Amino acid sequence: SCYSSYDFTDTVETARRARAAAPATPIVVGGYHASARPEDFTSLPELFDFVVVGDGERVLAELAQWAVEGGPRPPTVRVADCPVEPSELPPYPFRLLERYRTTAGGRTKLQINLSRGCPHECTFCMERAKPDRRWRALPPERAVEELRRLDEVFPLAGRLLHVTDPLFGMKAEWRREFLERLAASGLRPRAMW
């Protein structure tokens, strides 16, 4: 994942190390930088086999299937032409983070995404790089359930919860229902932003 241009050199170095460790394994890159400037990665064919533009979950699954089953080589640049609805995704696998519980202690800022997309075209925003910017969110009840599941692994009480959505609660009806459900849930982070 190359989230932003700030991550480009780290992404290239990670690909170099991955290529050295497993030369035959296909390396796929996605993220905002890859969506905005796929040519930055296609110009390094010795490191990157595929570049995903937009929501990558389906395309990554297709590429993994190709890597296992073979067949004609897919195009190097894959544009996600079928955006992912958050409700289609499985629950976040927070249990995979349990091993960090003791090292994180209580000082951890927790982050979560509850929605995707932003239809605005602000010049400073990376969201413009994606082909589909429609706002789409987890249903409010599922959004609160994800927070409850996160709370089971990293208790929210006393922690800062950072909702990293491109545009949190764009639809007032969704926002009201989510906040009402959150208030009724008993989940109480120290602060939420």
Protein backbone atom coordinates (compact mmCIF):
# COMPACT_ATOMS: atom_id res chain seq x y z
CA SER A 1 0.00 0.00 0.00
CA CYS A 2 1.32 3.40 -0.96
CA TYR A 3 -1.09 5.58 0.97
CA SER A 4 0.41 8.89 -0.11
CA SER A 5 3.42 10.35 -1.86
CA TYR A 6 5.14 10.59 1.53
CA ASP A 7 5.17 6.78 1.51
CA PHE A 8 6.62 6.35 -1.99
CA THR A 9 10.26 5.76 -1.04
CA ASP A 10 9.23 3.37 1.77
CA THR A 11 6.97 1.48 -0.66
CA VAL A 12 9.80 1.14 -3.19
CA GLU A 13 12.19 -0.10 -0.50
CA THR A 14 9.60 -2.60 0.77
CA ALA A 15 9.17 -3.88 -2.80
CA ARG A 16 12.95 -4.22 -3.19
CA ARG A 17 13.16 -6.32 -0.04
CA ALA A 18 10.13 -8.40 -1.00
CA ARG A 19 11.56 -9.01 -4.48
CA ALA A 20 14.90 -10.11 -2.98
CA ALA A 21 13.17 -12.45 -0.51
CA ALA A 22 10.69 -13.96 -2.99
CA PRO A 23 11.70 -13.16 -6.58
CA ALA A 24 8.85 -15.08 -8.25
CA THR A 25 6.05 -13.67 -6.08
CA PRO A 26 3.93 -11.02 -7.81
CA ILE A 27 4.08 -7.64 -6.10
CA VAL A 28 0.93 -5.51 -6.23
CA VAL A 29 0.74 -1.86 -5.16
CA GLY A 30 -2.33 0.27 -4.52
CA GLY A 31 -3.36 3.30 -2.49
CA TYR A 32 -3.84 6.96 -3.24
CA HIS A 33 -0.41 7.46 -4.78
CA ALA A 34 -0.81 4.41 -7.03
CA SER A 35 -4.28 5.63 -8.03
CA ALA A 36 -3.06 9.13 -8.86
CA ARG A 37 0.24 8.22 -10.51
CA PRO A 38 0.35 4.56 -11.60
CA GLU A 39 3.24 5.38 -13.93
CA ASP A 40 5.49 5.97 -10.90
CA PHE A 41 5.23 2.21 -10.29
CA THR A 42 5.04 0.90 -13.86
CA SER A 43 8.35 2.67 -14.46
CA LEU A 44 9.82 0.17 -11.97
CA PRO A 45 8.76 -3.15 -13.58
CA GLU A 46 11.59 -4.98 -11.84
CA LEU A 47 9.79 -4.24 -8.53
CA PHE A 48 6.06 -3.93 -9.21
CA ASP A 49 4.07 -6.44 -11.24
CA PHE A 50 0.68 -4.78 -10.87
CA VAL A 51 -0.74 -1.39 -9.92
CA VAL A 52 -4.31 -1.10 -8.64
CA VAL A 53 -6.22 2.14 -9.16
CA GLY A 54 -9.17 2.67 -6.80
CA ASP A 55 -10.73 0.20 -4.33
CA GLY A 56 -8.39 -2.76 -4.41
CA GLU A 57 -10.11 -5.60 -2.58
CA ARG A 58 -11.73 -7.29 -5.60
CA VAL A 59 -8.79 -6.70 -7.92
CA LEU A 60 -6.34 -8.03 -5.33
CA ALA A 61 -8.46 -11.18 -4.94
CA GLU A 62 -8.48 -11.63 -8.74
CA LEU A 63 -4.71 -11.21 -8.91
CA ALA A 64 -4.20 -13.69 -6.08
CA GLN A 65 -6.41 -16.19 -7.89
CA TRP A 66 -4.39 -15.65 -11.08
CA ALA A 67 -1.12 -16.16 -9.17
CA VAL A 68 -2.39 -19.51 -7.87
CA GLU A 69 -4.29 -20.81 -10.89
CA GLY A 70 -2.34 -19.23 -13.76
CA GLY A 71 -3.78 -18.26 -17.10
CA PRO A 72 -3.25 -15.21 -19.30
CA ARG A 73 -1.34 -12.45 -17.51
CA PRO A 74 -3.67 -9.65 -16.38
CA PRO A 75 -2.88 -6.06 -17.42
CA THR A 76 -0.23 -4.33 -15.33
CA VAL A 77 -2.49 -1.43 -14.36
CA ARG A 78 -5.82 -2.60 -13.03
CA VAL A 79 -8.55 0.00 -12.56
CA ALA A 80 -11.14 -1.07 -10.00
CA ASP A 81 -14.27 -0.60 -12.09
CA CYS A 82 -16.60 -2.02 -9.45
CA PRO A 83 -16.27 -0.02 -6.22
CA VAL A 84 -16.55 -1.86 -2.94
CA GLU A 85 -19.48 -1.14 -0.67
CA PRO A 86 -18.27 -1.23 2.95
CA SER A 87 -21.18 -3.52 3.90
CA GLU A 88 -19.78 -6.16 1.49
CA LEU A 89 -16.54 -6.44 3.44
CA PRO A 90 -16.10 -8.99 6.22
CA PRO A 91 -15.77 -7.72 9.78
CA TYR A 92 -12.41 -6.17 10.61
CA PRO A 93 -10.07 -8.92 11.92
CA PHE A 94 -9.22 -7.09 15.15
CA ARG A 95 -8.20 -10.38 16.83
CA LEU A 96 -5.04 -10.31 14.69
CA LEU A 97 -3.96 -7.29 16.75
CA GLU A 98 -4.22 -9.03 20.14
CA ARG A 99 -0.48 -9.72 20.18
CA TYR A 100 0.11 -5.95 20.42
CA ARG A 101 -2.14 -5.48 23.44
CA THR A 102 0.64 -5.63 26.03
CA THR A 103 3.10 -3.43 24.11
CA ALA A 104 0.44 -0.85 23.24
CA GLY A 105 -0.70 -0.39 26.81
CA GLY A 106 -3.30 2.34 27.31
CA ARG A 107 -1.57 5.10 25.38
CA THR A 108 -2.66 3.97 21.94
CA LYS A 109 -4.65 6.06 19.54
CA LEU A 110 -7.00 3.75 17.70
CA GLN A 111 -8.09 4.30 14.11
CA ILE A 112 -11.04 2.94 12.18
CA ASN A 113 -12.83 3.57 8.89
CA LEU A 114 -16.62 3.49 8.85
CA SER A 115 -17.18 4.90 5.37
CA ARG A 116 -15.48 5.51 2.03
CA GLY A 117 -15.53 8.19 -0.60
CA CYS A 118 -16.10 11.89 -0.87
CA PRO A 119 -17.88 13.46 -3.85
CA HIS A 120 -16.20 16.84 -3.43
CA GLU A 121 -13.19 17.75 -5.55
CA CYS A 122 -11.01 19.67 -3.12
CA THR A 123 -7.67 20.39 -4.75
CA PHE A 124 -5.69 19.38 -1.66
CA CYS A 125 -7.35 15.98 -1.14
CA MET A 126 -6.05 12.58 -2.24
CA GLU A 127 -9.58 11.19 -2.57
CA ARG A 128 -9.76 12.82 -6.02
CA ALA A 129 -7.33 10.17 -7.29
CA LYS A 130 -9.94 7.43 -7.03
CA PRO A 131 -12.20 6.70 -9.99
CA ASP A 132 -15.31 6.36 -7.79
CA ARG A 133 -15.68 8.88 -4.99
CA ARG A 134 -19.30 8.27 -3.99
CA TRP A 135 -19.83 8.38 -0.25
CA ARG A 136 -20.78 4.97 1.07
CA ALA A 137 -20.77 3.76 4.65
CA LEU A 138 -21.26 0.73 6.83
CA PRO A 139 -24.86 0.57 8.04
CA PRO A 140 -24.98 2.47 11.37
CA GLU A 141 -25.67 -0.70 13.38
CA ARG A 142 -22.68 -2.45 11.81
CA ALA A 143 -20.46 0.60 12.37
CA VAL A 144 -21.22 0.47 16.10
CA GLU A 145 -20.75 -3.31 16.09
CA GLU A 146 -17.26 -2.83 14.59
CA LEU A 147 -16.46 -0.42 17.43
CA ARG A 148 -17.76 -2.98 19.93
CA ARG A 149 -15.51 -5.64 18.39
CA LEU A 150 -12.54 -3.24 18.52
CA ASP A 151 -13.35 -2.57 22.18
CA GLU A 152 -13.04 -6.31 22.92
CA VAL A 153 -9.39 -6.28 21.79
CA PHE A 154 -8.40 -2.71 22.72
CA PRO A 155 -10.81 -1.24 25.28
CA LEU A 156 -11.90 2.18 24.06
CA ALA A 157 -12.25 3.67 27.53
CA GLY A 158 -9.49 6.21 28.09
CA ARG A 159 -8.28 6.09 24.49
CA LEU A 160 -8.47 8.47 21.56
CA LEU A 161 -10.53 7.06 18.71
CA HIS A 162 -9.69 8.51 15.30
CA VAL A 163 -12.32 7.87 12.62
CA THR A 164 -10.24 8.17 9.44
CA ASP A 165 -13.07 8.36 6.90
CA PRO A 166 -12.50 10.76 4.01
CA LEU A 167 -15.81 12.44 4.90
CA PHE A 168 -17.35 11.18 8.16
CA GLY A 169 -21.12 11.19 8.31
CA MET A 170 -21.78 13.01 5.07
CA LYS A 171 -25.44 12.03 5.15
CA ALA A 172 -27.17 13.58 8.17
CA GLU A 173 -29.59 10.68 8.58
CA TRP A 174 -26.73 8.18 8.75
CA ARG A 175 -24.74 10.41 11.12
CA ARG A 176 -27.67 10.88 13.52
CA GLU A 177 -28.49 7.18 13.63
CA PHE A 178 -24.84 6.21 14.11
CA LEU A 179 -24.32 8.73 16.93
CA GLU A 180 -27.57 7.69 18.66
CA ARG A 181 -26.53 4.03 18.49
CA LEU A 182 -23.04 4.89 19.71
CA ALA A 183 -24.44 6.85 22.67
CA ALA A 184 -26.70 3.90 23.59
CA SER A 185 -23.87 1.36 23.21
CA GLY A 186 -22.02 2.24 26.39
CA LEU A 187 -18.75 2.56 24.45
CA ARG A 188 -16.90 5.56 25.84
CA PRO A 189 -13.58 6.52 24.28
CA ARG A 190 -11.75 9.37 26.00
CA ALA A 191 -12.17 11.42 22.81
CA MET A 192 -13.31 10.75 19.29
CA TRP A 193 -12.39 12.70 16.19
